[in-house]
C-alpha atoms as a PDB file:
ATOM      1  CA  MET A   1     -11.752  -3.815   4.081  1.00  0.00           C
ATOM      2  CA  ARG A   2     -10.718  -7.506   5.849  1.00  0.00           C
ATOM      3  CA  SER A   3     -13.058  -9.989   6.027  1.00  0.00           C
ATOM      4  CA  ALA A   4     -12.757 -11.883   9.340  1.00  0.00           C
ATOM      5  CA  ILE A   5     -13.321 -14.922   7.887  1.00  0.00           C
ATOM      6  CA  LEU A   6      -9.706 -14.416   5.827  1.00  0.00           C
ATOM      7  CA  ASP A   7      -7.982 -13.560   9.207  1.00  0.00           C
ATOM      8  CA  LYS A   8      -5.396 -16.289   9.148  1.00  0.00           C
ATOM      9  CA  GLN A   9      -4.815 -15.207   5.552  1.00  0.00           C
ATOM     10  CA  TRP A  10      -4.088 -11.705   6.437  1.00  0.00           C
ATOM     11  CA  ALA A  11      -1.842 -12.765   8.793  1.00  0.00           C
ATOM     12  CA  LEU A  12       0.429 -15.151   6.695  1.00  0.00           C
ATOM     13  CA  PHE A  13      -0.090 -11.424   4.181  1.00  0.00           C
ATOM     14  CA  ASP A  14       1.384  -9.292   6.702  1.00  0.00           C
ATOM     15  CA  GLU A  15       3.861 -12.065   7.719  1.00  0.00           C
ATOM     16  CA  GLY A  16       5.194 -11.794   4.240  1.00  0.00           C
ATOM     17  CA  GLN A  17       4.158 -15.219   3.133  1.00  0.00           C
ATOM     18  CA  TYR A  18       2.336 -13.979  -0.353  1.00  0.00           C
ATOM     19  CA  ASP A  19       2.311 -16.949  -1.760  1.00  0.00           C
ATOM     20  CA  GLU A  20       1.084 -18.978   1.124  1.00  0.00           C
ATOM     21  CA  ALA A  21      -2.007 -16.123   1.767  1.00  0.00           C
ATOM     22  CA  PHE A  22      -2.873 -16.285  -1.977  1.00  0.00           C
ATOM     23  CA  GLU A  23      -2.577 -20.328  -2.201  1.00  0.00           C
ATOM     24  CA  ARG A  24      -5.031 -20.691   1.219  1.00  0.00           C
ATOM     25  CA  THR A  25      -7.251 -17.848   0.148  1.00  0.00           C
ATOM     26  CA  ARG A  26      -7.919 -19.392  -3.392  1.00  0.00           C
ATOM     27  CA  ALA A  27      -8.501 -23.166  -2.018  1.00  0.00           C
ATOM     28  CA  MET A  28     -11.503 -21.468  -0.048  1.00  0.00           C
ATOM     29  CA  LEU A  29     -12.696 -19.420  -3.070  1.00  0.00           C
ATOM     30  CA  GLU A  30     -15.796 -21.699  -4.195  1.00  0.00           C
ATOM     31  CA  ARG A  31     -16.930 -21.573  -0.723  1.00  0.00           C
ATOM     32  CA  LEU A  32     -16.951 -18.190   0.456  1.00  0.00           C
ATOM     33  CA  PRO A  33     -20.385 -16.206  -0.222  1.00  0.00           C
ATOM     34  CA  PRO A  34     -20.503 -13.695  -2.634  1.00  0.00           C
ATOM     35  CA  ALA A  35     -19.242 -10.695   0.127  1.00  0.00           C
ATOM     36  CA  ASP A  36     -16.235 -12.917   1.060  1.00  0.00           C
ATOM     37  CA  ARG A  37     -15.456 -13.631  -2.021  1.00  0.00           C
ATOM     38  CA  ARG A  38     -14.982 -10.323  -2.831  1.00  0.00           C
ATOM     39  CA  ALA A  39     -12.660  -9.893   0.196  1.00  0.00           C
ATOM     40  CA  ALA A  40     -11.124 -12.761  -1.329  1.00  0.00           C
ATOM     41  CA  TRP A  41     -10.369 -11.326  -4.527  1.00  0.00           C
ATOM     42  CA  ARG A  42      -9.180  -8.121  -2.705  1.00  0.00           C
ATOM     43  CA  LEU A  43      -6.685 -10.573  -0.803  1.00  0.00           C
ATOM     44  CA  MET A  44      -5.559 -12.291  -3.333  1.00  0.00           C
ATOM     45  CA  GLY A  45      -4.989  -9.544  -5.904  1.00  0.00           C
ATOM     46  CA  MET A  46      -2.610  -7.878  -3.324  1.00  0.00           C
ATOM     47  CA  ALA A  47      -0.953 -10.832  -2.480  1.00  0.00           C
ATOM     48  CA  ARG A  48       0.354 -11.356  -5.928  1.00  0.00           C
ATOM     49  CA  HIS A  49       1.257  -7.791  -6.059  1.00  0.00           C
ATOM     50  CA  ALA A  50       3.517  -7.848  -3.134  1.00  0.00           C
ATOM     51  CA  GLY A  51       4.970 -10.954  -4.657  1.00  0.00           C
ATOM     52  CA  ARG A  52       5.537  -8.447  -8.170  1.00  0.00           C
ATOM     53  CA  GLN A  53       3.479 -11.536 -10.005  1.00  0.00           C
ATOM     54  CA  TYR A  54       1.636  -7.913 -11.438  1.00  0.00           C
ATOM     55  CA  GLU A  55      -0.107  -9.642 -14.257  1.00  0.00           C
ATOM     56  CA  ASP A  56      -2.093 -12.275 -12.178  1.00  0.00           C
ATOM     57  CA  ALA A  57      -2.617  -9.233  -9.740  1.00  0.00           C
ATOM     58  CA  VAL A  58      -4.316  -7.993 -12.823  1.00  0.00           C
ATOM     59  CA  LYS A  59      -6.715 -10.611 -13.323  1.00  0.00           C
ATOM     60  CA  TRP A  60      -7.537 -11.079  -9.510  1.00  0.00           C
ATOM     61  CA  LEU A  61      -8.266  -7.038  -9.124  1.00  0.00           C
ATOM     62  CA  HIS A  62     -10.238  -6.894 -12.430  1.00  0.00           C
ATOM     63  CA  GLU A  63     -12.616  -9.415 -10.902  1.00  0.00           C
ATOM     64  CA  LEU A  64     -12.727  -7.879  -7.708  1.00  0.00           C
ATOM     65  CA  CYS A  65     -13.379  -4.091  -9.368  1.00  0.00           C
ATOM     66  CA  VAL A  66     -16.546  -5.507 -11.503  1.00  0.00           C
ATOM     67  CA  GLY A  67     -19.465  -3.380 -10.243  1.00  0.00           C
ATOM     68  CA  SER A  68     -17.247  -1.969  -7.567  1.00  0.00           C
ATOM     69  CA  ASP A  69     -17.762   1.498  -6.404  1.00  0.00           C
ATOM     70  CA  VAL A  70     -14.902   1.556  -3.936  1.00  0.00           C
ATOM     71  CA  ALA A  71     -12.175   3.772  -5.022  1.00  0.00           C
ATOM     72  CA  ASP A  72      -9.269   2.562  -3.456  1.00  0.00           C
ATOM     73  CA  ASP A  73     -10.463  -1.366  -5.154  1.00  0.00           C
ATOM     74  CA  TRP A  74      -9.813   0.782  -8.814  1.00  0.00           C
ATOM     75  CA  CYS A  75      -6.647   2.184  -7.577  1.00  0.00           C
ATOM     76  CA  ARG A  76      -5.148  -1.476  -6.619  1.00  0.00           C
ATOM     77  CA  LEU A  77      -6.521  -2.160 -10.412  1.00  0.00           C
ATOM     78  CA  ALA A  78      -4.279   0.557 -11.064  1.00  0.00           C
ATOM     79  CA  LEU A  79      -1.338   0.068  -9.924  1.00  0.00           C
ATOM     80  CA  ALA A  80      -1.438  -3.836 -10.461  1.00  0.00           C
ATOM     81  CA  SER A  81      -1.804  -2.740 -14.345  1.00  0.00           C
ATOM     82  CA  THR A  82       1.209   0.210 -14.192  1.00  0.00           C
ATOM     83  CA  MET A  83       3.645  -2.792 -12.928  1.00  0.00           C
ATOM     84  CA  ALA A  84       2.641  -4.999 -15.600  1.00  0.00           C
ATOM     85  CA  GLY A  85       3.278  -2.362 -18.195  1.00  0.00           C
ATOM     86  CA  GLN A  86      -0.856  -2.043 -18.931  1.00  0.00           C
ATOM     87  CA  PHE A  87      -0.816   1.598 -18.740  1.00  0.00           C
ATOM     88  CA  GLU A  88      -3.379   2.600 -21.079  1.00  0.00           C
ATOM     89  CA  SER A  89      -5.707  -0.002 -18.707  1.00  0.00           C
ATOM     90  CA  ALA A  90      -3.909   1.647 -15.370  1.00  0.00           C
ATOM     91  CA  ALA A  91      -4.660   4.897 -16.709  1.00  0.00           C
ATOM     92  CA  THR A  92      -8.124   3.711 -17.290  1.00  0.00           C
ATOM     93  CA  ALA A  93      -8.871   1.974 -13.706  1.00  0.00           C
ATOM     94  CA  PHE A  94      -7.029   5.646 -11.824  1.00  0.00           C
ATOM     95  CA  GLU A  95     -10.122   7.567 -13.548  1.00  0.00           C
ATOM     96  CA  GLN A  96     -12.616   5.041 -12.630  1.00  0.00           C
ATOM     97  CA  ALA A  97     -10.956   5.509  -8.699  1.00  0.00           C
ATOM     98  CA  ARG A  98     -11.311   9.680  -8.870  1.00  0.00           C
ATOM     99  CA  PHE A  99     -14.817   9.050 -10.082  1.00  0.00           C
ATOM    100  CA  CYS A 100     -15.438   6.736  -7.325  1.00  0.00           C
ATOM    101  CA  HIS A 101     -14.450   9.249  -5.063  1.00  0.00           C
ATOM    102  CA  GLN A 102     -16.220  12.150  -6.809  1.00  0.00           C
ATOM    103  CA  ALA A 103     -19.551  10.359  -6.715  1.00  0.00           C
ATOM    104  CA  SER A 104     -18.746   9.652  -2.524  1.00  0.00           C
ATOM    105  CA  ARG A 105     -17.981  13.281  -2.333  1.00  0.00           C
ATOM    106  CA  HIS A 106     -14.763  12.215  -1.052  1.00  0.00           C
ATOM    107  CA  SER A 107     -15.871  10.287   1.978  1.00  0.00           C
ATOM    108  CA  GLN A 108     -13.738   7.098   1.009  1.00  0.00           C
ATOM    109  CA  HIS A 109     -10.474   6.398   2.742  1.00  0.00           C
ATOM    110  CA  PRO A 110      -7.493   6.159   1.568  1.00  0.00           C
ATOM    111  CA  GLY A 111      -8.027   9.274  -0.042  1.00  0.00           C
ATOM    112  CA  LEU A 112      -7.676  10.968  -3.746  1.00  0.00           C
ATOM    113  CA  TYR A 113      -4.240  12.216  -3.000  1.00  0.00           C
ATOM    114  CA  LEU A 114      -2.717   9.521  -1.422  1.00  0.00           C
ATOM    115  CA  HIS A 115      -4.167   7.716  -4.419  1.00  0.00           C
ATOM    116  CA  ILE A 116      -2.453   9.933  -6.894  1.00  0.00           C
ATOM    117  CA  PHE A 117       0.769   9.659  -4.357  1.00  0.00           C
ATOM    118  CA  TRP A 118       1.021   5.470  -5.004  1.00  0.00           C
ATOM    119  CA  TYR A 119       0.121   5.626  -8.631  1.00  0.00           C
ATOM    120  CA  ALA A 120       2.658   8.702  -9.565  1.00  0.00           C
ATOM    121  CA  GLY A 121       4.999   6.631  -7.429  1.00  0.00           C
ATOM    122  CA  ALA A 122       4.104   3.545  -9.252  1.00  0.00           C
ATOM    123  CA  LEU A 123       4.513   5.499 -12.792  1.00  0.00           C
ATOM    124  CA  CYS A 124       7.690   6.560 -11.854  1.00  0.00           C
ATOM    125  CA  ASP A 125       9.097   3.019 -11.288  1.00  0.00           C
ATOM    126  CA  MET A 126       7.802   2.165 -14.625  1.00  0.00           C
ATOM    127  CA  GLY A 127       9.871   4.985 -16.485  1.00  0.00           C
ATOM    128  CA  ARG A 128       6.992   6.904 -17.311  1.00  0.00           C
ATOM    129  CA  TYR A 129       7.859  10.250 -16.199  1.00  0.00           C
ATOM    130  CA  ALA A 130       5.421  12.125 -18.057  1.00  0.00           C
ATOM    131  CA  ASP A 131       2.672  10.791 -16.674  1.00  0.00           C
ATOM    132  CA  VAL A 132       3.961  11.366 -13.858  1.00  0.00           C
ATOM    133  CA  ARG A 133       4.063  15.352 -13.674  1.00  0.00           C
ATOM    134  CA  PRO A 134       0.647  16.087 -13.794  1.00  0.00           C
ATOM    135  CA  LEU A 135       0.307  13.884 -10.833  1.00  0.00           C
ATOM    136  CA  LEU A 136       2.918  15.802  -8.878  1.00  0.00           C
ATOM    137  CA  ASP A 137       1.006  19.500 -10.577  1.00  0.00           C
ATOM    138  CA  GLU A 138      -1.955  18.259  -8.835  1.00  0.00           C
ATOM    139  CA  LEU A 139      -0.241  17.201  -5.422  1.00  0.00           C
ATOM    140  CA  ALA A 140       1.653  20.747  -5.273  1.00  0.00           C
ATOM    141  CA  GLN A 141      -1.471  22.624  -5.990  1.00  0.00           C
ATOM    142  CA  ALA A 142      -3.451  20.537  -3.180  1.00  0.00           C
ATOM    143  CA  TYR A 143      -0.308  21.233  -0.573  1.00  0.00           C
ATOM    144  CA  ARG A 144      -0.522  25.324  -1.659  1.00  0.00           C
ATOM    145  CA  ARG A 145      -4.571  25.349  -1.018  1.00  0.00           C
ATOM    146  CA  LEU A 146      -4.209  23.630   2.223  1.00  0.00           C
ATOM    147  CA  HIS A 147      -0.760  25.608   2.942  1.00  0.00           C
ATOM    148  CA  GLN A 148      -0.203  24.096   6.905  1.00  0.00           C
ATOM    149  CA  THR A 149       2.399  21.246   5.655  1.00  0.00           C
ATOM    150  CA  ASP A 150       1.959  19.753   9.823  1.00  0.00           C
ATOM    151  CA  GLY A 151       2.355  16.206   9.650  1.00  0.00           C
ATOM    152  CA  VAL A 152      -0.727  15.955  12.251  1.00  0.00           C
ATOM    153  CA  PHE A 153      -3.051  18.063   9.915  1.00  0.00           C
ATOM    154  CA  LEU A 154      -2.530  16.239   6.773  1.00  0.00           C
ATOM    155  CA  PHE A 155      -2.967  12.853   8.043  1.00  0.00           C
ATOM    156  CA  ALA A 156      -6.377  14.096   9.499  1.00  0.00           C
ATOM    157  CA  GLN A 157      -6.927  15.428   5.271  1.00  0.00           C
ATOM    158  CA  ASP A 158      -5.851  12.423   4.197  1.00  0.00           C
ATOM    159  CA  MET A 159      -2.701  13.692   2.629  1.00  0.00           C
ATOM    160  CA  PRO A 160       0.294  11.650   1.945  1.00  0.00           C
ATOM    161  CA  PHE A 161       3.135  13.484   3.783  1.00  0.00           C
ATOM    162  CA  LEU A 162       5.031  16.216   2.454  1.00  0.00           C
ATOM    163  CA  ALA A 163       8.316  14.831   2.675  1.00  0.00           C
ATOM    164  CA  SER A 164       7.074  11.874   1.285  1.00  0.00           C
ATOM    165  CA  VAL A 165       5.795  13.379  -1.827  1.00  0.00           C
ATOM    166  CA  LEU A 166       9.256  15.374  -2.209  1.00  0.00           C
ATOM    167  CA  SER A 167      11.098  12.548  -2.278  1.00  0.00           C
ATOM    168  CA  LEU A 168       9.063  11.175  -4.821  1.00  0.00           C
ATOM    169  CA  ALA A 169       9.214  14.691  -7.168  1.00  0.00           C
ATOM    170  CA  LEU A 170      13.408  14.342  -6.736  1.00  0.00           C
ATOM    171  CA  GLN A 171      13.526  10.511  -7.700  1.00  0.00           C
ATOM    172  CA  CYS A 172      11.540  11.499 -11.176  1.00  0.00           C
ATOM    173  CA  PHE A 173      13.484  14.512 -11.899  1.00  0.00           C
ATOM    174  CA  ARG A 174      16.683  13.340 -11.388  1.00  0.00           C
ATOM    175  CA  ARG A 175      15.899   9.516 -12.789  1.00  0.00           C
ATOM    176  CA  GLU A 176      14.240  11.711 -16.426  1.00  0.00           C
ATOM    177  CA  GLY A 177      17.331  14.275 -15.931  1.00  0.00           C
ATOM    178  CA  SER A 178      14.986  17.009 -15.654  1.00  0.00           C
ATOM    179  CA  TYR A 179      17.241  19.882 -13.359  1.00  0.00           C
ATOM    180  CA  VAL A 180      15.614  22.730 -14.283  1.00  0.00           C
ATOM    181  CA  ALA A 181      11.891  21.011 -14.248  1.00  0.00           C
ATOM    182  CA  GLY A 182      12.584  20.568 -10.727  1.00  0.00           C
ATOM    183  CA  VAL A 183      13.768  23.480  -9.969  1.00  0.00           C
ATOM    184  CA  THR A 184      10.902  25.365 -10.938  1.00  0.00           C
ATOM    185  CA  TRP A 185       8.625  22.762  -9.718  1.00  0.00           C
ATOM    186  CA  LEU A 186       9.826  23.077  -6.112  1.00  0.00           C
ATOM    187  CA  GLU A 187       9.971  26.918  -6.225  1.00  0.00           C
ATOM    188  CA  THR A 188       6.563  27.426  -7.591  1.00  0.00           C
ATOM    189  CA  LEU A 189       5.401  24.892  -4.465  1.00  0.00           C
ATOM    190  CA  LEU A 190       7.435  26.590  -1.893  1.00  0.00           C
ATOM    191  CA  LYS A 191       5.774  30.324  -2.224  1.00  0.00           C
ATOM    192  CA  GLY A 192       2.326  28.396  -1.035  1.00  0.00           C
ATOM    193  CA  LEU A 193       3.407  26.970   1.959  1.00  0.00           C
ATOM    194  CA  ASP A 194       3.317  27.518   5.702  1.00  0.00           C
ATOM    195  CA  ALA A 195       6.737  28.241   7.382  1.00  0.00           C
ATOM    196  CA  ALA A 196       8.033  24.648   8.151  1.00  0.00           C
ATOM    197  CA  GLY A 197       7.073  23.659   4.628  1.00  0.00           C
ATOM    198  CA  GLN A 198       9.536  26.032   3.230  1.00  0.00           C
ATOM    199  CA  ARG A 199      11.981  25.068   5.130  1.00  0.00           C
ATOM    200  CA  GLN A 200      11.483  21.359   4.137  1.00  0.00           C
ATOM    201  CA  VAL A 201      11.032  22.429   0.128  1.00  0.00           C
ATOM    202  CA  GLY A 202      14.634  25.178   0.638  1.00  0.00           C
ATOM    203  CA  LEU A 203      16.185  21.479   1.849  1.00  0.00           C
ATOM    204  CA  ALA A 204      14.800  19.718  -1.622  1.00  0.00           C
ATOM    205  CA  LEU A 205      15.596  22.485  -3.435  1.00  0.00           C
ATOM    206  CA  ASN A 206      19.109  23.083  -2.096  1.00  0.00           C
ATOM    207  CA  ASP A 207      20.210  19.036  -2.522  1.00  0.00           C
ATOM    208  CA  LEU A 208      18.680  19.420  -6.220  1.00  0.00           C
ATOM    209  CA  VAL A 209      20.923  22.488  -7.217  1.00  0.00           C
ATOM    210  CA  GLN A 210      23.898  21.282  -5.306  1.00  0.00           C
ATOM    211  CA  LYS A 211      24.002  17.340  -6.308  1.00  0.00           C
ATOM    212  CA  ASP A 212      22.452  17.697 -10.229  1.00  0.00           C
ATOM    213  CA  GLY A 213      22.659  21.685 -10.736  1.00  0.00           C
ATOM    214  CA  THR A 214      26.700  21.135 -10.410  1.00  0.00           C
ATOM    215  CA  ARG A 215      26.321  17.906 -12.882  1.00  0.00           C
ATOM    216  CA  GLU A 216      24.718  19.506 -15.174  1.00  0.00           C
ATOM    217  CA  HIS A 217      27.282  22.460 -15.000  1.00  0.00           C
ATOM    218  CA  GLU A 218      29.517  19.817 -15.770  1.00  0.00           C
ATOM    219  CA  GLY A 219      27.808  18.189 -18.908  1.00  0.00           C
END
């Protein structure tokens, strides 16, 4: 998804020089052919997102998404819209990302479940815990269906690592103060996994019970 004509700008982006990457890309935007212009919009949107200028990121990523059948374009718009507090627009964009995955028969990368993980993380950051819960349930269902939790296997399936999802889940349940729901979610997930996955979930469950269970009991 990176156009070679923007190599220098991407190098700046990778070095964390987001404003410089954005300005240099914008300066050449009008001279670019249509295909490279789309790549420029992607870079500009990502640079603004990385620089926490979310409303401006939405502007450029919206340009990118017009007529796009690329799920990652729509997911990035959903993430930026979430961080900008535009939650309805974010939900619409994420549904379009789902549609792109389905239309391509899940041949696009990053895959749907990585996008779900990223979107859930953004919603958690913004305190939208009720919106996070069904996404966590969807991820848990996918893990139970796969059963295997080896990192190499999950990477090949375009799935987020189980440890990353467990960390996000604990963060969300704790911030929401939903200890009982967290225990139930972890216990349900544990039953469908291989031995290695059960150990990971068991550790997360023990951590939640020891820290949050004690706190709730004291309350």
